[in-house]
Amino acid sequence: MTDIITDSELTCPECKHKELLEMPTDACLWFHECTVCKILLKPLKGDCCVFCSYGSVPCPPIQESGSCSSCGG
């Protein structure tokens, strides 16, 4: 079994600012406001959360099983 990584670097698609965040292990983060340009990041179509769309590491449920039971993704 692979260790779950809980830190992911989100990259804003608007201003390219990078921010290291700790991912929740029991829920999806559907929205995140960029601390620089204030754009509201939302998951891309087909992704369960902002980490899967803009992060350096996918969310813990995706890492663990390839699907996300907390949101049905």
N, C-alpha and C. Protein backbone atom coordinates (compact mmCIF):
# COMPACT_ATOMS: atom_id res chain seq x y z
N MET A 1 0.83 -1.18 0.00
CA MET A 1 0.00 0.00 0.00
C MET A 1 0.87 1.25 0.00
N THR A 2 0.51 2.20 -0.80
CA THR A 2 1.25 3.44 -0.93
C THR A 2 0.80 4.43 0.14
N ASP A 3 1.75 5.20 0.67
CA ASP A 3 1.40 6.24 1.63
C ASP A 3 0.62 7.35 0.93
N ILE A 4 -0.39 7.87 1.62
CA ILE A 4 -1.20 8.96 1.09
C ILE A 4 -0.49 10.28 1.34
N ILE A 5 -0.35 11.07 0.30
CA ILE A 5 0.25 12.40 0.40
C ILE A 5 -0.87 13.38 0.70
N THR A 6 -0.70 14.20 1.73
CA THR A 6 -1.77 15.13 2.11
C THR A 6 -1.48 16.58 1.77
N ASP A 7 -0.27 16.88 1.29
CA ASP A 7 0.05 18.24 0.86
C ASP A 7 0.06 18.30 -0.66
N SER A 8 -0.54 19.37 -1.18
CA SER A 8 -0.58 19.55 -2.62
C SER A 8 -0.37 21.03 -2.92
N GLU A 9 0.36 21.31 -3.97
CA GLU A 9 0.60 22.69 -4.38
C GLU A 9 -0.41 23.07 -5.46
N LEU A 10 -1.34 23.96 -5.09
CA LEU A 10 -2.33 24.44 -6.06
C LEU A 10 -1.71 25.55 -6.89
N THR A 11 -1.94 25.51 -8.20
CA THR A 11 -1.48 26.55 -9.09
C THR A 11 -2.70 27.23 -9.69
N CYS A 12 -2.82 28.53 -9.46
CA CYS A 12 -3.94 29.29 -9.98
C CYS A 12 -3.85 29.36 -11.51
N PRO A 13 -4.91 28.98 -12.22
CA PRO A 13 -4.87 29.04 -13.68
C PRO A 13 -4.87 30.46 -14.22
N GLU A 14 -5.28 31.42 -13.40
CA GLU A 14 -5.36 32.81 -13.83
C GLU A 14 -4.01 33.53 -13.70
N CYS A 15 -3.44 33.53 -12.49
CA CYS A 15 -2.21 34.31 -12.25
C CYS A 15 -0.97 33.45 -12.04
N LYS A 16 -1.14 32.12 -12.00
CA LYS A 16 -0.06 31.14 -11.84
C LYS A 16 0.57 31.13 -10.44
N HIS A 17 -0.07 31.80 -9.48
CA HIS A 17 0.41 31.76 -8.09
C HIS A 17 0.32 30.33 -7.58
N LYS A 18 1.34 29.91 -6.84
CA LYS A 18 1.38 28.57 -6.26
C LYS A 18 1.22 28.67 -4.75
N GLU A 19 0.39 27.78 -4.21
CA GLU A 19 0.13 27.79 -2.78
C GLU A 19 0.09 26.35 -2.26
N LEU A 20 0.89 26.06 -1.25
CA LEU A 20 0.94 24.73 -0.67
C LEU A 20 -0.17 24.61 0.37
N LEU A 21 -1.04 23.62 0.19
CA LEU A 21 -2.17 23.42 1.09
C LEU A 21 -2.22 21.97 1.56
N GLU A 22 -2.75 21.79 2.76
CA GLU A 22 -3.00 20.44 3.26
C GLU A 22 -4.40 20.03 2.82
N MET A 23 -4.50 18.86 2.22
CA MET A 23 -5.78 18.38 1.72
C MET A 23 -6.54 17.68 2.83
N PRO A 24 -7.86 17.88 2.88
CA PRO A 24 -8.65 17.09 3.82
C PRO A 24 -8.64 15.63 3.38
N THR A 25 -8.67 14.72 4.33
CA THR A 25 -8.64 13.30 3.98
C THR A 25 -10.05 12.70 3.94
N ASP A 26 -11.03 13.45 4.42
CA ASP A 26 -12.38 12.91 4.53
C ASP A 26 -13.43 13.69 3.74
N ALA A 27 -12.99 14.63 2.91
CA ALA A 27 -13.94 15.44 2.13
C ALA A 27 -13.22 16.05 0.93
N CYS A 28 -14.01 16.50 -0.04
CA CYS A 28 -13.46 17.19 -1.20
C CYS A 28 -13.49 18.70 -0.97
N LEU A 29 -12.52 19.39 -1.52
CA LEU A 29 -12.52 20.84 -1.49
C LEU A 29 -12.96 21.30 -2.87
N TRP A 30 -14.20 21.73 -2.96
CA TRP A 30 -14.76 22.09 -4.26
C TRP A 30 -14.40 23.51 -4.71
N PHE A 31 -14.11 24.39 -3.76
CA PHE A 31 -13.78 25.77 -4.10
C PHE A 31 -12.57 26.23 -3.30
N HIS A 32 -11.79 27.10 -3.92
CA HIS A 32 -10.66 27.73 -3.23
C HIS A 32 -10.42 29.08 -3.87
N GLU A 33 -10.30 30.12 -3.05
CA GLU A 33 -10.02 31.46 -3.57
C GLU A 33 -8.52 31.69 -3.61
N CYS A 34 -8.01 32.08 -4.78
CA CYS A 34 -6.58 32.39 -4.91
C CYS A 34 -6.26 33.56 -4.00
N THR A 35 -5.19 33.43 -3.23
CA THR A 35 -4.82 34.48 -2.29
C THR A 35 -4.25 35.72 -2.97
N VAL A 36 -3.87 35.61 -4.24
CA VAL A 36 -3.29 36.74 -4.96
C VAL A 36 -4.33 37.46 -5.82
N CYS A 37 -4.93 36.75 -6.77
CA CYS A 37 -5.85 37.42 -7.72
C CYS A 37 -7.32 37.29 -7.32
N LYS A 38 -7.60 36.50 -6.28
CA LYS A 38 -8.94 36.34 -5.71
C LYS A 38 -9.93 35.60 -6.61
N ILE A 39 -9.45 34.97 -7.69
CA ILE A 39 -10.35 34.16 -8.52
C ILE A 39 -10.80 32.94 -7.71
N LEU A 40 -12.02 32.51 -7.91
CA LEU A 40 -12.53 31.33 -7.22
C LEU A 40 -12.27 30.11 -8.09
N LEU A 41 -11.39 29.25 -7.61
CA LEU A 41 -11.08 28.01 -8.34
C LEU A 41 -12.18 27.00 -8.09
N LYS A 42 -12.61 26.34 -9.16
CA LYS A 42 -13.61 25.28 -9.11
C LYS A 42 -13.05 24.09 -9.88
N PRO A 43 -13.47 22.88 -9.55
CA PRO A 43 -12.96 21.71 -10.28
C PRO A 43 -13.31 21.77 -11.76
N LEU A 44 -12.39 21.30 -12.60
CA LEU A 44 -12.68 21.17 -14.03
C LEU A 44 -13.66 20.02 -14.22
N LYS A 45 -14.37 20.04 -15.31
CA LYS A 45 -15.34 18.99 -15.59
C LYS A 45 -14.65 17.62 -15.54
N GLY A 46 -15.26 16.71 -14.81
CA GLY A 46 -14.71 15.37 -14.67
C GLY A 46 -13.82 15.19 -13.45
N ASP A 47 -13.42 16.29 -12.79
CA ASP A 47 -12.60 16.20 -11.59
C ASP A 47 -13.48 16.37 -10.36
N CYS A 48 -13.07 15.75 -9.24
CA CYS A 48 -13.90 15.80 -8.03
C CYS A 48 -13.61 17.01 -7.16
N CYS A 49 -12.43 17.63 -7.32
CA CYS A 49 -12.09 18.75 -6.43
C CYS A 49 -11.00 19.62 -7.06
N VAL A 50 -10.70 20.74 -6.40
CA VAL A 50 -9.69 21.66 -6.93
C VAL A 50 -8.29 21.04 -6.92
N PHE A 51 -8.03 20.11 -6.00
CA PHE A 51 -6.71 19.47 -5.98
C PHE A 51 -6.51 18.58 -7.20
N CYS A 52 -7.56 17.90 -7.62
CA CYS A 52 -7.46 17.05 -8.81
C CYS A 52 -7.32 17.88 -10.08
N SER A 53 -7.84 19.10 -10.08
CA SER A 53 -7.76 19.97 -11.26
C SER A 53 -6.50 20.82 -11.29
N TYR A 54 -6.08 21.38 -10.15
CA TYR A 54 -5.00 22.37 -10.13
C TYR A 54 -3.84 22.02 -9.21
N GLY A 55 -3.91 20.89 -8.53
CA GLY A 55 -2.88 20.53 -7.56
C GLY A 55 -1.76 19.70 -8.14
N SER A 56 -0.67 19.67 -7.41
CA SER A 56 0.49 18.86 -7.81
C SER A 56 0.26 17.39 -7.46
N VAL A 57 -0.71 17.14 -6.57
CA VAL A 57 -1.05 15.79 -6.12
C VAL A 57 -2.57 15.68 -6.09
N PRO A 58 -3.15 14.61 -6.60
CA PRO A 58 -4.61 14.45 -6.51
C PRO A 58 -5.05 14.22 -5.06
N CYS A 59 -6.33 14.39 -4.81
CA CYS A 59 -6.87 14.28 -3.45
C CYS A 59 -6.66 12.86 -2.88
N PRO A 60 -6.65 12.73 -1.55
CA PRO A 60 -6.43 11.42 -0.92
C PRO A 60 -7.36 10.31 -1.39
N PRO A 61 -8.68 10.53 -1.55
CA PRO A 61 -9.52 9.41 -2.04
C PRO A 61 -9.11 8.91 -3.43
N ILE A 62 -8.71 9.82 -4.30
CA ILE A 62 -8.26 9.42 -5.65
C ILE A 62 -6.93 8.67 -5.55
N GLN A 63 -6.02 9.14 -4.69
CA GLN A 63 -4.75 8.44 -4.51
C GLN A 63 -4.97 7.02 -4.01
N GLU A 64 -5.93 6.89 -3.09
CA GLU A 64 -6.15 5.61 -2.44
C GLU A 64 -6.86 4.58 -3.33
N SER A 65 -7.94 5.02 -4.01
CA SER A 65 -8.74 4.03 -4.72
C SER A 65 -9.01 4.36 -6.18
N GLY A 66 -8.61 5.56 -6.62
CA GLY A 66 -8.87 5.93 -8.02
C GLY A 66 -10.24 6.53 -8.22
N SER A 67 -11.05 6.58 -7.15
CA SER A 67 -12.35 7.24 -7.23
C SER A 67 -12.59 7.96 -5.91
N CYS A 68 -13.60 8.81 -5.91
CA CYS A 68 -13.85 9.62 -4.73
C CYS A 68 -15.23 9.32 -4.18
N SER A 69 -15.28 8.59 -3.08
CA SER A 69 -16.57 8.25 -2.47
C SER A 69 -17.21 9.42 -1.77
N SER A 70 -16.42 10.44 -1.36
CA SER A 70 -17.01 11.57 -0.65
C SER A 70 -17.81 12.48 -1.56
N CYS A 71 -17.59 12.40 -2.87
CA CYS A 71 -18.39 13.23 -3.77
C CYS A 71 -18.98 12.43 -4.93
N GLY A 72 -18.66 11.17 -4.99
CA GLY A 72 -19.19 10.34 -6.07
C GLY A 72 -18.36 10.38 -7.33
N GLY A 73 -17.21 11.08 -7.31
CA GLY A 73 -16.37 11.23 -8.50
C GLY A 73 -15.48 10.06 -8.77
